[in-house]
Amino acid sequence: LQMNSLKPEDTAVYYCAADHRPSGVVI
C-alpha cells in the first residue's frame, strides 16, 4: 500500500486481510 499526500485523518492502525471466497466474486 503506497500512501502519498498523507493527511492527519489518515492516522489509524492499518490491517491487511485475505479473502478466500470462491473465484468470481468482486472485491
mmCIF file of all heavy atoms, coordinates in Angstrom:
data_MODEL
# 
_entry.id   MODEL 
# 
loop_
_atom_site.group_PDB 
_atom_site.id 
_atom_site.type_symbol 
_atom_site.label_atom_id 
_atom_site.label_alt_id 
_atom_site.label_comp_id 
_atom_site.label_asym_id 
_atom_site.label_entity_id 
_atom_site.label_seq_id 
_atom_site.pdbx_PDB_ins_code 
_atom_site.Cartn_x 
_atom_site.Cartn_y 
_atom_site.Cartn_z 
_atom_site.occupancy 
_atom_site.B_iso_or_equiv 
_atom_site.pdbx_formal_charge 
_atom_site.auth_seq_id 
_atom_site.auth_comp_id 
_atom_site.auth_asym_id 
_atom_site.auth_atom_id 
_atom_site.pdbx_PDB_model_num 
ATOM 1   N N   . LEU A 1 1  ? 0.858   -1.172  0.000  1.00 0.00 ? 1  LEU A N   1 
ATOM 2   C CA  . LEU A 1 1  ? 0.000   0.000   0.000  1.00 0.00 ? 1  LEU A CA  1 
ATOM 3   C C   . LEU A 1 1  ? 0.903   1.232   0.000  1.00 0.00 ? 1  LEU A C   1 
ATOM 4   O O   . LEU A 1 1  ? 1.555   1.540   1.006  1.00 0.00 ? 1  LEU A O   1 
ATOM 5   C CB  . LEU A 1 1  ? -0.924  0.027   1.219  1.00 0.00 ? 1  LEU A CB  1 
ATOM 6   C CG  . LEU A 1 1  ? -1.842  1.238   1.323  1.00 0.00 ? 1  LEU A CG  1 
ATOM 7   C CD1 . LEU A 1 1  ? -2.759  1.322   0.094  1.00 0.00 ? 1  LEU A CD1 1 
ATOM 8   C CD2 . LEU A 1 1  ? -2.681  1.185   2.589  1.00 0.00 ? 1  LEU A CD2 1 
ATOM 9   N N   . GLN A 1 2  ? 0.954   1.894   -1.147 1.00 0.00 ? 2  GLN A N   1 
ATOM 10  C CA  . GLN A 1 2  ? 1.706   3.144   -1.260 1.00 0.00 ? 2  GLN A CA  1 
ATOM 11  C C   . GLN A 1 2  ? 0.771   4.286   -0.898 1.00 0.00 ? 2  GLN A C   1 
ATOM 12  O O   . GLN A 1 2  ? -0.286  4.439   -1.524 1.00 0.00 ? 2  GLN A O   1 
ATOM 13  C CB  . GLN A 1 2  ? 2.234   3.319   -2.683 1.00 0.00 ? 2  GLN A CB  1 
ATOM 14  C CG  . GLN A 1 2  ? 2.990   4.619   -2.910 1.00 0.00 ? 2  GLN A CG  1 
ATOM 15  C CD  . GLN A 1 2  ? 4.278   4.695   -2.120 1.00 0.00 ? 2  GLN A CD  1 
ATOM 16  O OE1 . GLN A 1 2  ? 5.033   3.741   -2.067 1.00 0.00 ? 2  GLN A OE1 1 
ATOM 17  N NE2 . GLN A 1 2  ? 4.532   5.857   -1.509 1.00 0.00 ? 2  GLN A NE2 1 
ATOM 18  N N   . MET A 1 3  ? 1.148   5.052   0.098  1.00 0.00 ? 3  MET A N   1 
ATOM 19  C CA  . MET A 1 3  ? 0.307   6.139   0.587  1.00 0.00 ? 3  MET A CA  1 
ATOM 20  C C   . MET A 1 3  ? 1.048   7.459   0.384  1.00 0.00 ? 3  MET A C   1 
ATOM 21  O O   . MET A 1 3  ? 2.111   7.669   0.974  1.00 0.00 ? 3  MET A O   1 
ATOM 22  C CB  . MET A 1 3  ? -0.022  5.930   2.070  1.00 0.00 ? 3  MET A CB  1 
ATOM 23  C CG  . MET A 1 3  ? -0.678  4.592   2.355  1.00 0.00 ? 3  MET A CG  1 
ATOM 24  S SD  . MET A 1 3  ? -1.206  4.412   4.077  1.00 0.00 ? 3  MET A SD  1 
ATOM 25  C CE  . MET A 1 3  ? 0.375   4.414   4.902  1.00 0.00 ? 3  MET A CE  1 
ATOM 26  N N   . ASN A 1 4  ? 0.479   8.295   -0.444 1.00 0.00 ? 4  ASN A N   1 
ATOM 27  C CA  . ASN A 1 4  ? 1.054   9.607   -0.728 1.00 0.00 ? 4  ASN A CA  1 
ATOM 28  C C   . ASN A 1 4  ? 0.115   10.704  -0.241 1.00 0.00 ? 4  ASN A C   1 
ATOM 29  O O   . ASN A 1 4  ? -1.060  10.464  0.026  1.00 0.00 ? 4  ASN A O   1 
ATOM 30  C CB  . ASN A 1 4  ? 1.297   9.769   -2.227 1.00 0.00 ? 4  ASN A CB  1 
ATOM 31  C CG  . ASN A 1 4  ? 2.281   8.762   -2.778 1.00 0.00 ? 4  ASN A CG  1 
ATOM 32  O OD1 . ASN A 1 4  ? 3.205   8.322   -2.083 1.00 0.00 ? 4  ASN A OD1 1 
ATOM 33  N ND2 . ASN A 1 4  ? 2.107   8.382   -4.036 1.00 0.00 ? 4  ASN A ND2 1 
ATOM 34  N N   . SER A 1 5  ? 0.648   11.908  -0.146 1.00 0.00 ? 5  SER A N   1 
ATOM 35  C CA  . SER A 1 5  ? -0.151  13.070  0.273  1.00 0.00 ? 5  SER A CA  1 
ATOM 36  C C   . SER A 1 5  ? -0.948  12.760  1.535  1.00 0.00 ? 5  SER A C   1 
ATOM 37  O O   . SER A 1 5  ? -2.147  13.031  1.611  1.00 0.00 ? 5  SER A O   1 
ATOM 38  C CB  . SER A 1 5  ? -1.096  13.505  -0.854 1.00 0.00 ? 5  SER A CB  1 
ATOM 39  O OG  . SER A 1 5  ? -0.369  13.820  -2.024 1.00 0.00 ? 5  SER A OG  1 
ATOM 40  N N   . LEU A 1 6  ? -0.284  12.205  2.505  1.00 0.00 ? 6  LEU A N   1 
ATOM 41  C CA  . LEU A 1 6  ? -0.965  11.783  3.723  1.00 0.00 ? 6  LEU A CA  1 
ATOM 42  C C   . LEU A 1 6  ? -1.542  12.960  4.485  1.00 0.00 ? 6  LEU A C   1 
ATOM 43  O O   . LEU A 1 6  ? -0.968  14.068  4.495  1.00 0.00 ? 6  LEU A O   1 
ATOM 44  C CB  . LEU A 1 6  ? -0.007  10.989  4.602  1.00 0.00 ? 6  LEU A CB  1 
ATOM 45  C CG  . LEU A 1 6  ? 0.208   9.541   4.143  1.00 0.00 ? 6  LEU A CG  1 
ATOM 46  C CD1 . LEU A 1 6  ? 1.480   8.961   4.728  1.00 0.00 ? 6  LEU A CD1 1 
ATOM 47  C CD2 . LEU A 1 6  ? -0.997  8.687   4.497  1.00 0.00 ? 6  LEU A CD2 1 
ATOM 48  N N   . LYS A 1 7  ? -2.675  12.702  5.113  1.00 0.00 ? 7  LYS A N   1 
ATOM 49  C CA  . LYS A 1 7  ? -3.388  13.715  5.895  1.00 0.00 ? 7  LYS A CA  1 
ATOM 50  C C   . LYS A 1 7  ? -3.510  13.239  7.340  1.00 0.00 ? 7  LYS A C   1 
ATOM 51  O O   . LYS A 1 7  ? -3.495  12.032  7.596  1.00 0.00 ? 7  LYS A O   1 
ATOM 52  C CB  . LYS A 1 7  ? -4.788  13.913  5.305  1.00 0.00 ? 7  LYS A CB  1 
ATOM 53  C CG  . LYS A 1 7  ? -4.811  14.284  3.838  1.00 0.00 ? 7  LYS A CG  1 
ATOM 54  C CD  . LYS A 1 7  ? -6.245  14.351  3.331  1.00 0.00 ? 7  LYS A CD  1 
ATOM 55  C CE  . LYS A 1 7  ? -6.302  14.706  1.856  1.00 0.00 ? 7  LYS A CE  1 
ATOM 56  N NZ  . LYS A 1 7  ? -7.707  14.769  1.359  1.00 0.00 ? 7  LYS A NZ  1 
ATOM 57  N N   . PRO A 1 8  ? -3.685  14.149  8.265  1.00 0.00 ? 8  PRO A N   1 
ATOM 58  C CA  . PRO A 1 8  ? -3.872  13.732  9.667  1.00 0.00 ? 8  PRO A CA  1 
ATOM 59  C C   . PRO A 1 8  ? -5.025  12.742  9.834  1.00 0.00 ? 8  PRO A C   1 
ATOM 60  O O   . PRO A 1 8  ? -4.951  11.848  10.686 1.00 0.00 ? 8  PRO A O   1 
ATOM 61  C CB  . PRO A 1 8  ? -4.138  15.049  10.387 1.00 0.00 ? 8  PRO A CB  1 
ATOM 62  C CG  . PRO A 1 8  ? -3.394  16.057  9.580  1.00 0.00 ? 8  PRO A CG  1 
ATOM 63  C CD  . PRO A 1 8  ? -3.558  15.614  8.157  1.00 0.00 ? 8  PRO A CD  1 
ATOM 64  N N   . GLU A 1 9  ? -6.062  12.880  9.018  1.00 0.00 ? 9  GLU A N   1 
ATOM 65  C CA  . GLU A 1 9  ? -7.201  11.970  9.122  1.00 0.00 ? 9  GLU A CA  1 
ATOM 66  C C   . GLU A 1 9  ? -6.897  10.562  8.622  1.00 0.00 ? 9  GLU A C   1 
ATOM 67  O O   . GLU A 1 9  ? -7.719  9.664   8.760  1.00 0.00 ? 9  GLU A O   1 
ATOM 68  C CB  . GLU A 1 9  ? -8.429  12.530  8.395  1.00 0.00 ? 9  GLU A CB  1 
ATOM 69  C CG  . GLU A 1 9  ? -8.170  12.961  6.976  1.00 0.00 ? 9  GLU A CG  1 
ATOM 70  C CD  . GLU A 1 9  ? -7.926  14.465  6.858  1.00 0.00 ? 9  GLU A CD  1 
ATOM 71  O OE1 . GLU A 1 9  ? -7.162  15.011  7.707  1.00 0.00 ? 9  GLU A OE1 1 
ATOM 72  O OE2 . GLU A 1 9  ? -8.471  15.082  5.925  1.00 0.00 ? 9  GLU A OE2 1 
ATOM 73  N N   . ASP A 1 10 ? -5.731  10.358  8.058  1.00 0.00 ? 10 ASP A N   1 
ATOM 74  C CA  . ASP A 1 10 ? -5.303  9.003   7.679  1.00 0.00 ? 10 ASP A CA  1 
ATOM 75  C C   . ASP A 1 10 ? -4.705  8.250   8.864  1.00 0.00 ? 10 ASP A C   1 
ATOM 76  O O   . ASP A 1 10 ? -4.399  7.059   8.755  1.00 0.00 ? 10 ASP A O   1 
ATOM 77  C CB  . ASP A 1 10 ? -4.266  9.059   6.556  1.00 0.00 ? 10 ASP A CB  1 
ATOM 78  C CG  . ASP A 1 10 ? -4.832  9.605   5.254  1.00 0.00 ? 10 ASP A CG  1 
ATOM 79  O OD1 . ASP A 1 10 ? -5.962  9.219   4.892  1.00 0.00 ? 10 ASP A OD1 1 
ATOM 80  O OD2 . ASP A 1 10 ? -4.141  10.406  4.604  1.00 0.00 ? 10 ASP A OD2 1 
ATOM 81  N N   . THR A 1 11 ? -4.530  8.929   9.987  1.00 0.00 ? 11 THR A N   1 
ATOM 82  C CA  . THR A 1 11 ? -3.976  8.289   11.171 1.00 0.00 ? 11 THR A CA  1 
ATOM 83  C C   . THR A 1 11 ? -4.870  7.150   11.638 1.00 0.00 ? 11 THR A C   1 
ATOM 84  O O   . THR A 1 11 ? -6.067  7.336   11.856 1.00 0.00 ? 11 THR A O   1 
ATOM 85  C CB  . THR A 1 11 ? -3.805  9.316   12.307 1.00 0.00 ? 11 THR A CB  1 
ATOM 86  O OG1 . THR A 1 11 ? -2.830  10.289  11.911 1.00 0.00 ? 11 THR A OG1 1 
ATOM 87  C CG2 . THR A 1 11 ? -3.364  8.642   13.598 1.00 0.00 ? 11 THR A CG2 1 
ATOM 88  N N   . ALA A 1 12 ? -4.289  5.962   11.760 1.00 0.00 ? 12 ALA A N   1 
ATOM 89  C CA  . ALA A 1 12 ? -5.050  4.767   12.135 1.00 0.00 ? 12 ALA A CA  1 
ATOM 90  C C   . ALA A 1 12 ? -4.098  3.584   12.227 1.00 0.00 ? 12 ALA A C   1 
ATOM 91  O O   . ALA A 1 12 ? -2.930  3.674   11.829 1.00 0.00 ? 12 ALA A O   1 
ATOM 92  C CB  . ALA A 1 12 ? -6.128  4.469   11.098 1.00 0.00 ? 12 ALA A CB  1 
ATOM 93  N N   . VAL A 1 13 ? -4.615  2.487   12.738 1.00 0.00 ? 13 VAL A N   1 
ATOM 94  C CA  . VAL A 1 13 ? -3.934  1.214   12.606 1.00 0.00 ? 13 VAL A CA  1 
ATOM 95  C C   . VAL A 1 13 ? -4.387  0.602   11.283 1.00 0.00 ? 13 VAL A C   1 
ATOM 96  O O   . VAL A 1 13 ? -5.595  0.505   11.035 1.00 0.00 ? 13 VAL A O   1 
ATOM 97  C CB  . VAL A 1 13 ? -4.246  0.274   13.777 1.00 0.00 ? 13 VAL A CB  1 
ATOM 98  C CG1 . VAL A 1 13 ? -3.548  -1.077  13.562 1.00 0.00 ? 13 VAL A CG1 1 
ATOM 99  C CG2 . VAL A 1 13 ? -3.807  0.892   15.093 1.00 0.00 ? 13 VAL A CG2 1 
ATOM 100 N N   . TYR A 1 14 ? -3.446  0.212   10.473 1.00 0.00 ? 14 TYR A N   1 
ATOM 101 C CA  . TYR A 1 14 ? -3.735  -0.350  9.168  1.00 0.00 ? 14 TYR A CA  1 
ATOM 102 C C   . TYR A 1 14 ? -3.545  -1.867  9.201  1.00 0.00 ? 14 TYR A C   1 
ATOM 103 O O   . TYR A 1 14 ? -2.514  -2.358  9.680  1.00 0.00 ? 14 TYR A O   1 
ATOM 104 C CB  . TYR A 1 14 ? -2.832  0.271   8.107  1.00 0.00 ? 14 TYR A CB  1 
ATOM 105 C CG  . TYR A 1 14 ? -3.267  1.657   7.717  1.00 0.00 ? 14 TYR A CG  1 
ATOM 106 C CD1 . TYR A 1 14 ? -3.121  2.723   8.603  1.00 0.00 ? 14 TYR A CD1 1 
ATOM 107 C CD2 . TYR A 1 14 ? -3.841  1.913   6.475  1.00 0.00 ? 14 TYR A CD2 1 
ATOM 108 C CE1 . TYR A 1 14 ? -3.538  4.000   8.263  1.00 0.00 ? 14 TYR A CE1 1 
ATOM 109 C CE2 . TYR A 1 14 ? -4.262  3.177   6.127  1.00 0.00 ? 14 TYR A CE2 1 
ATOM 110 C CZ  . TYR A 1 14 ? -4.110  4.218   7.020  1.00 0.00 ? 14 TYR A CZ  1 
ATOM 111 O OH  . TYR A 1 14 ? -4.529  5.482   6.676  1.00 0.00 ? 14 TYR A OH  1 
ATOM 112 N N   . TYR A 1 15 ? -4.546  -2.565  8.677  1.00 0.00 ? 15 TYR A N   1 
ATOM 113 C CA  . TYR A 1 15 ? -4.542  -4.026  8.683  1.00 0.00 ? 15 TYR A CA  1 
ATOM 114 C C   . TYR A 1 15 ? -4.636  -4.544  7.252  1.00 0.00 ? 15 TYR A C   1 
ATOM 115 O O   . TYR A 1 15 ? -5.422  -4.016  6.454  1.00 0.00 ? 15 TYR A O   1 
ATOM 116 C CB  . TYR A 1 15 ? -5.748  -4.570  9.439  1.00 0.00 ? 15 TYR A CB  1 
ATOM 117 C CG  . TYR A 1 15 ? -5.835  -4.183  10.877 1.00 0.00 ? 15 TYR A CG  1 
ATOM 118 C CD1 . TYR A 1 15 ? -6.503  -3.019  11.268 1.00 0.00 ? 15 TYR A CD1 1 
ATOM 119 C CD2 . TYR A 1 15 ? -5.281  -4.985  11.875 1.00 0.00 ? 15 TYR A CD2 1 
ATOM 120 C CE1 . TYR A 1 15 ? -6.609  -2.662  12.599 1.00 0.00 ? 15 TYR A CE1 1 
ATOM 121 C CE2 . TYR A 1 15 ? -5.378  -4.635  13.211 1.00 0.00 ? 15 TYR A CE2 1 
ATOM 122 C CZ  . TYR A 1 15 ? -6.040  -3.472  13.558 1.00 0.00 ? 15 TYR A CZ  1 
ATOM 123 O OH  . TYR A 1 15 ? -6.142  -3.120  14.892 1.00 0.00 ? 15 TYR A OH  1 
ATOM 124 N N   . CYS A 1 16 ? -3.865  -5.575  6.940  1.00 0.00 ? 16 CYS A N   1 
ATOM 125 C CA  . CYS A 1 16 ? -4.126  -6.260  5.687  1.00 0.00 ? 16 CYS A CA  1 
ATOM 126 C C   . CYS A 1 16 ? -4.961  -7.498  5.992  1.00 0.00 ? 16 CYS A C   1 
ATOM 127 O O   . CYS A 1 16 ? -4.943  -8.027  7.108  1.00 0.00 ? 16 CYS A O   1 
ATOM 128 C CB  . CYS A 1 16 ? -2.844  -6.624  4.947  1.00 0.00 ? 16 CYS A CB  1 
ATOM 129 S SG  . CYS A 1 16 ? -1.865  -7.927  5.688  1.00 0.00 ? 16 CYS A SG  1 
ATOM 130 N N   . ALA A 1 17 ? -5.718  -7.929  5.006  1.00 0.00 ? 17 ALA A N   1 
ATOM 131 C CA  . ALA A 1 17 ? -6.638  -9.035  5.185  1.00 0.00 ? 17 ALA A CA  1 
ATOM 132 C C   . ALA A 1 17 ? -6.761  -9.830  3.902  1.00 0.00 ? 17 ALA A C   1 
ATOM 133 O O   . ALA A 1 17 ? -6.589  -9.280  2.803  1.00 0.00 ? 17 ALA A O   1 
ATOM 134 C CB  . ALA A 1 17 ? -8.006  -8.504  5.608  1.00 0.00 ? 17 ALA A CB  1 
ATOM 135 N N   . ALA A 1 18 ? -7.062  -11.114 4.042  1.00 0.00 ? 18 ALA A N   1 
ATOM 136 C CA  . ALA A 1 18 ? -7.176  -12.017 2.904  1.00 0.00 ? 18 ALA A CA  1 
ATOM 137 C C   . ALA A 1 18 ? -8.577  -12.611 2.833  1.00 0.00 ? 18 ALA A C   1 
ATOM 138 O O   . ALA A 1 18 ? -9.120  -13.075 3.841  1.00 0.00 ? 18 ALA A O   1 
ATOM 139 C CB  . ALA A 1 18 ? -6.140  -13.138 3.022  1.00 0.00 ? 18 ALA A CB  1 
ATOM 140 N N   . ASP A 1 19 ? -9.131  -12.593 1.631  1.00 0.00 ? 19 ASP A N   1 
ATOM 141 C CA  . ASP A 1 19 ? -10.476 -13.100 1.358  1.00 0.00 ? 19 ASP A CA  1 
ATOM 142 C C   . ASP A 1 19 ? -10.336 -14.358 0.510  1.00 0.00 ? 19 ASP A C   1 
ATOM 143 O O   . ASP A 1 19 ? -9.844  -14.279 -0.619 1.00 0.00 ? 19 ASP A O   1 
ATOM 144 C CB  . ASP A 1 19 ? -11.264 -12.013 0.632  1.00 0.00 ? 19 ASP A CB  1 
ATOM 145 C CG  . ASP A 1 19 ? -12.634 -12.458 0.161  1.00 0.00 ? 19 ASP A CG  1 
ATOM 146 O OD1 . ASP A 1 19 ? -12.993 -13.632 0.355  1.00 0.00 ? 19 ASP A OD1 1 
ATOM 147 O OD2 . ASP A 1 19 ? -13.341 -11.623 -0.420 1.00 0.00 ? 19 ASP A OD2 1 
ATOM 148 N N   . HIS A 1 20 ? -10.823 -15.471 1.030  1.00 0.00 ? 20 HIS A N   1 
ATOM 149 C CA  . HIS A 1 20 ? -10.672 -16.763 0.351  1.00 0.00 ? 20 HIS A CA  1 
ATOM 150 C C   . HIS A 1 20 ? -11.977 -17.252 -0.252 1.00 0.00 ? 20 HIS A C   1 
ATOM 151 O O   . HIS A 1 20 ? -12.158 -18.459 -0.469 1.00 0.00 ? 20 HIS A O   1 
ATOM 152 C CB  . HIS A 1 20 ? -10.120 -17.813 1.334  1.00 0.00 ? 20 HIS A CB  1 
ATOM 153 C CG  . HIS A 1 20 ? -9.556  -19.012 0.646  1.00 0.00 ? 20 HIS A CG  1 
ATOM 154 N ND1 . HIS A 1 20 ? -9.530  -20.264 1.231  1.00 0.00 ? 20 HIS A ND1 1 
ATOM 155 C CD2 . HIS A 1 20 ? -9.010  -19.163 -0.580 1.00 0.00 ? 20 HIS A CD2 1 
ATOM 156 C CE1 . HIS A 1 20 ? -8.975  -21.126 0.390  1.00 0.00 ? 20 HIS A CE1 1 
ATOM 157 N NE2 . HIS A 1 20 ? -8.654  -20.476 -0.704 1.00 0.00 ? 20 HIS A NE2 1 
ATOM 158 N N   . ARG A 1 21 ? -12.897 -16.358 -0.533 1.00 0.00 ? 21 ARG A N   1 
ATOM 159 C CA  . ARG A 1 21 ? -14.143 -16.776 -1.163 1.00 0.00 ? 21 ARG A CA  1 
ATOM 160 C C   . ARG A 1 21 ? -13.866 -17.280 -2.579 1.00 0.00 ? 21 ARG A C   1 
ATOM 161 O O   . ARG A 1 21 ? -12.816 -16.997 -3.150 1.00 0.00 ? 21 ARG A O   1 
ATOM 162 C CB  . ARG A 1 21 ? -15.133 -15.628 -1.168 1.00 0.00 ? 21 ARG A CB  1 
ATOM 163 C CG  . ARG A 1 21 ? -15.678 -15.298 0.218  1.00 0.00 ? 21 ARG A CG  1 
ATOM 164 C CD  . ARG A 1 21 ? -16.632 -14.111 0.153  1.00 0.00 ? 21 ARG A CD  1 
ATOM 165 N NE  . ARG A 1 21 ? -15.960 -12.928 -0.336 1.00 0.00 ? 21 ARG A NE  1 
ATOM 166 C CZ  . ARG A 1 21 ? -16.542 -11.989 -1.080 1.00 0.00 ? 21 ARG A CZ  1 
ATOM 167 N NH1 . ARG A 1 21 ? -17.813 -12.096 -1.388 1.00 0.00 ? 21 ARG A NH1 1 
ATOM 168 N NH2 . ARG A 1 21 ? -15.858 -10.948 -1.490 1.00 0.00 ? 21 ARG A NH2 1 
ATOM 169 N N   . PRO A 1 22 ? -14.799 -18.038 -3.168 1.00 0.00 ? 22 PRO A N   1 
ATOM 170 C CA  . PRO A 1 22 ? -14.563 -18.617 -4.492 1.00 0.00 ? 22 PRO A CA  1 
ATOM 171 C C   . PRO A 1 22 ? -14.261 -17.567 -5.548 1.00 0.00 ? 22 PRO A C   1 
ATOM 172 O O   . PRO A 1 22 ? -14.664 -16.410 -5.432 1.00 0.00 ? 22 PRO A O   1 
ATOM 173 C CB  . PRO A 1 22 ? -15.884 -19.323 -4.806 1.00 0.00 ? 22 PRO A CB  1 
ATOM 174 C CG  . PRO A 1 22 ? -16.501 -19.584 -3.475 1.00 0.00 ? 22 PRO A CG  1 
ATOM 175 C CD  . PRO A 1 22 ? -16.095 -18.429 -2.615 1.00 0.00 ? 22 PRO A CD  1 
ATOM 176 N N   . SER A 1 23 ? -13.558 -17.983 -6.575 1.00 0.00 ? 23 SER A N   1 
ATOM 177 C CA  . SER A 1 23 ? -13.233 -17.072 -7.667 1.00 0.00 ? 23 SER A CA  1 
ATOM 178 C C   . SER A 1 23 ? -14.527 -16.587 -8.324 1.00 0.00 ? 23 SER A C   1 
ATOM 179 O O   . SER A 1 23 ? -15.544 -17.279 -8.321 1.00 0.00 ? 23 SER A O   1 
ATOM 180 C CB  . SER A 1 23 ? -12.363 -17.775 -8.707 1.00 0.00 ? 23 SER A CB  1 
ATOM 181 O OG  . SER A 1 23 ? -13.038 -18.886 -9.247 1.00 0.00 ? 23 SER A OG  1 
ATOM 182 N N   . GLY A 1 24 ? -14.461 -15.380 -8.857 1.00 0.00 ? 24 GLY A N   1 
ATOM 183 C CA  . GLY A 1 24 ? -15.620 -14.790 -9.500 1.00 0.00 ? 24 GLY A CA  1 
ATOM 184 C C   . GLY A 1 24 ? -16.318 -13.751 -8.652 1.00 0.00 ? 24 GLY A C   1 
ATOM 185 O O   . GLY A 1 24 ? -17.110 -12.962 -9.166 1.00 0.00 ? 24 GLY A O   1 
ATOM 186 N N   . VAL A 1 25 ? -16.034 -13.710 -7.362 1.00 0.00 ? 25 VAL A N   1 
ATOM 187 C CA  . VAL A 1 25 ? -16.655 -12.692 -6.522 1.00 0.00 ? 25 VAL A CA  1 
ATOM 188 C C   . VAL A 1 25 ? -15.916 -11.369 -6.690 1.00 0.00 ? 25 VAL A C   1 
ATOM 189 O O   . VAL A 1 25 ? -14.740 -11.336 -7.048 1.00 0.00 ? 25 VAL A O   1 
ATOM 190 C CB  . VAL A 1 25 ? -16.651 -13.116 -5.041 1.00 0.00 ? 25 VAL A CB  1 
ATOM 191 C CG1 . VAL A 1 25 ? -17.437 -14.409 -4.856 1.00 0.00 ? 25 VAL A CG1 1 
ATOM 192 C CG2 . VAL A 1 25 ? -15.230 -13.261 -4.506 1.00 0.00 ? 25 VAL A CG2 1 
ATOM 193 N N   . VAL A 1 26 ? -16.616 -10.286 -6.422 1.00 0.00 ? 26 VAL A N   1 
ATOM 194 C CA  . VAL A 1 26 ? -15.991 -8.974  -6.522 1.00 0.00 ? 26 VAL A CA  1 
ATOM 195 C C   . VAL A 1 26 ? -15.238 -8.678  -5.232 1.00 0.00 ? 26 VAL A C   1 
ATOM 196 O O   . VAL A 1 26 ? -15.424 -9.353  -4.212 1.00 0.00 ? 26 VAL A O   1 
ATOM 197 C CB  . VAL A 1 26 ? -17.043 -7.880  -6.789 1.00 0.00 ? 26 VAL A CB  1 
ATOM 198 C CG1 . VAL A 1 26 ? -17.750 -8.160  -8.110 1.00 0.00 ? 26 VAL A CG1 1 
ATOM 199 C CG2 . VAL A 1 26 ? -18.049 -7.802  -5.643 1.00 0.00 ? 26 VAL A CG2 1 
ATOM 200 N N   . ILE A 1 27 ? -14.388 -7.672  -5.279 1.00 0.00 ? 27 ILE A N   1 
ATOM 201 C CA  . ILE A 1 27 ? -13.653 -7.254  -4.097 1.00 0.00 ? 27 ILE A CA  1 
ATOM 202 C C   . ILE A 1 27 ? -14.656 -6.770  -3.044 1.00 0.00 ? 27 ILE A C   1 
ATOM 203 O O   . ILE A 1 27 ? -15.466 -5.880  -3.333 1.00 0.00 ? 27 ILE A O   1 
ATOM 204 C CB  . ILE A 1 27 ? -12.660 -6.133  -4.439 1.00 0.00 ? 27 ILE A CB  1 
ATOM 205 C CG1 . ILE A 1 27 ? -11.630 -6.637  -5.454 1.00 0.00 ? 27 ILE A CG1 1 
ATOM 206 C CG2 . ILE A 1 27 ? -11.969 -5.616  -3.184 1.00 0.00 ? 27 ILE A CG2 1 
ATOM 207 C CD1 . ILE A 1 27 ? -10.768 -5.547  -6.045 1.00 0.00 ? 27 ILE A CD1 1 
# 
